[in-house]
Amino acid sequence: MGEEKYICAAIGTTLGAVGAGISVSEVQAIVSIIITVLGFVITVLIPLGIKLYKKIKKALEDKKITKEEALDIAETGKEIVEKTVSLVDNIKEESDKIQKE
């Protein structure tokens, strides 16, 4: 998981930074939000999705999932949900800023 994690982080952070720096007009603000979301997805959700997939794949190698493996998989799923909720909250804040302008 090492190399793809860093690649996703670099691309996502770059897109996020570009998105954060664009907001000058309404159209640009919308583009900024889209780029910021893409940056978040690439930086956070894709690596977490890969992590979740690898955990499930490893757990299924012996054709059974132990309680500890299930809890670990559930914790990773919970982390994905928490990060996504955080993103939605950020989008709402950005949307509120655009509507005030």
Protein backbone atom coordinates (compact mmCIF):
# COMPACT_ATOMS: atom_id res chain seq x y z
CA MET A 1 0.00 0.00 0.00
CA GLY A 2 3.02 2.26 0.28
CA GLU A 3 3.59 3.64 -3.18
CA GLU A 4 -0.02 4.20 -4.29
CA LYS A 5 -0.75 5.93 -0.99
CA TYR A 6 1.93 8.53 -1.65
CA ILE A 7 0.90 8.98 -5.27
CA CYS A 8 -2.74 9.51 -4.26
CA ALA A 9 -1.67 11.89 -1.51
CA ALA A 10 0.47 13.97 -3.87
CA ILE A 11 -2.17 14.22 -6.58
CA GLY A 12 -5.00 14.82 -4.12
CA THR A 13 -3.15 17.45 -2.16
CA THR A 14 -2.18 19.25 -5.36
CA LEU A 15 -5.79 19.26 -6.60
CA GLY A 16 -7.03 20.35 -3.18
CA ALA A 17 -4.58 23.23 -3.08
CA VAL A 18 -5.51 24.31 -6.60
CA GLY A 19 -9.20 24.09 -5.67
CA ALA A 20 -8.72 26.16 -2.54
CA GLY A 21 -6.90 28.90 -4.44
CA ILE A 22 -9.38 29.37 -7.28
CA SER A 23 -12.46 30.84 -5.55
CA VAL A 24 -12.80 34.31 -7.12
CA SER A 25 -16.24 34.25 -8.74
CA GLU A 26 -19.30 32.02 -8.44
CA VAL A 27 -18.34 29.78 -11.35
CA GLN A 28 -14.79 29.59 -10.13
CA ALA A 29 -16.05 28.82 -6.63
CA ILE A 30 -18.06 25.89 -7.98
CA VAL A 31 -15.02 24.64 -9.88
CA SER A 32 -13.01 25.13 -6.69
CA ILE A 33 -15.42 22.93 -4.73
CA ILE A 34 -15.33 20.24 -7.42
CA ILE A 35 -11.54 20.23 -7.51
CA THR A 36 -11.38 20.19 -3.71
CA VAL A 37 -13.75 17.19 -3.63
CA LEU A 38 -11.65 15.40 -6.23
CA GLY A 39 -8.55 16.14 -4.19
CA PHE A 40 -10.22 14.73 -1.08
CA VAL A 41 -11.38 11.60 -2.87
CA ILE A 42 -7.94 10.96 -4.32
CA THR A 43 -6.08 11.78 -1.11
CA VAL A 44 -8.32 10.11 1.46
CA LEU A 45 -11.04 7.88 0.09
CA ILE A 46 -9.07 5.95 -2.54
CA PRO A 47 -6.27 4.92 -0.14
CA LEU A 48 -8.85 4.00 2.53
CA GLY A 49 -10.81 2.02 -0.06
CA ILE A 50 -7.65 0.17 -1.08
CA LYS A 51 -6.89 -0.47 2.60
CA LEU A 52 -10.41 -1.82 3.15
CA TYR A 53 -10.20 -4.02 0.04
CA LYS A 54 -6.86 -5.48 1.14
CA LYS A 55 -8.17 -6.21 4.64
CA ILE A 56 -11.22 -8.00 3.24
CA LYS A 57 -9.11 -9.93 0.74
CA LYS A 58 -6.68 -11.00 3.47
CA ALA A 59 -9.51 -11.99 5.81
CA LEU A 60 -11.08 -14.15 3.11
CA GLU A 61 -7.86 -16.00 2.24
CA ASP A 62 -8.72 -18.81 4.67
CA LYS A 63 -12.40 -18.61 3.64
CA LYS A 64 -13.50 -17.36 7.07
CA ILE A 65 -13.45 -14.02 8.85
CA THR A 66 -12.53 -13.94 12.52
CA LYS A 67 -14.14 -11.56 14.99
CA GLU A 68 -10.94 -9.48 15.13
CA GLU A 69 -10.77 -9.23 11.34
CA ALA A 70 -14.43 -8.22 11.17
CA LEU A 71 -13.87 -5.51 13.79
CA ASP A 72 -10.80 -4.25 11.90
CA ILE A 73 -12.75 -4.13 8.63
CA ALA A 74 -15.65 -2.36 10.35
CA GLU A 75 -13.25 0.20 11.87
CA THR A 76 -11.82 0.97 8.43
CA GLY A 77 -15.36 1.34 7.05
CA LYS A 78 -16.21 3.68 9.93
CA GLU A 79 -13.11 5.75 9.13
CA ILE A 80 -14.26 6.09 5.51
CA VAL A 81 -17.72 7.24 6.63
CA GLU A 82 -16.24 9.77 9.09
CA LYS A 83 -13.96 11.24 6.41
CA THR A 84 -16.88 11.47 3.99
CA VAL A 85 -19.06 13.23 6.57
CA SER A 86 -16.22 15.68 7.15
CA LEU A 87 -16.08 16.36 3.41
CA VAL A 88 -19.83 16.97 3.24
CA ASP A 89 -19.57 19.44 6.13
CA ASN A 90 -16.77 21.29 4.32
CA ILE A 91 -18.83 21.43 1.12
CA LYS A 92 -21.77 22.89 3.06
CA GLU A 93 -19.49 25.60 4.50
CA GLU A 94 -18.13 26.45 1.05
CA SER A 95 -21.65 26.51 -0.38
CA ASP A 96 -22.78 28.88 2.36
CA LYS A 97 -19.85 31.20 1.57
CA ILE A 98 -20.80 31.24 -2.13
CA GLN A 99 -24.44 32.03 -1.38
CA LYS A 100 -23.43 34.97 0.85
CA GLU A 101 -21.36 36.55 -1.94
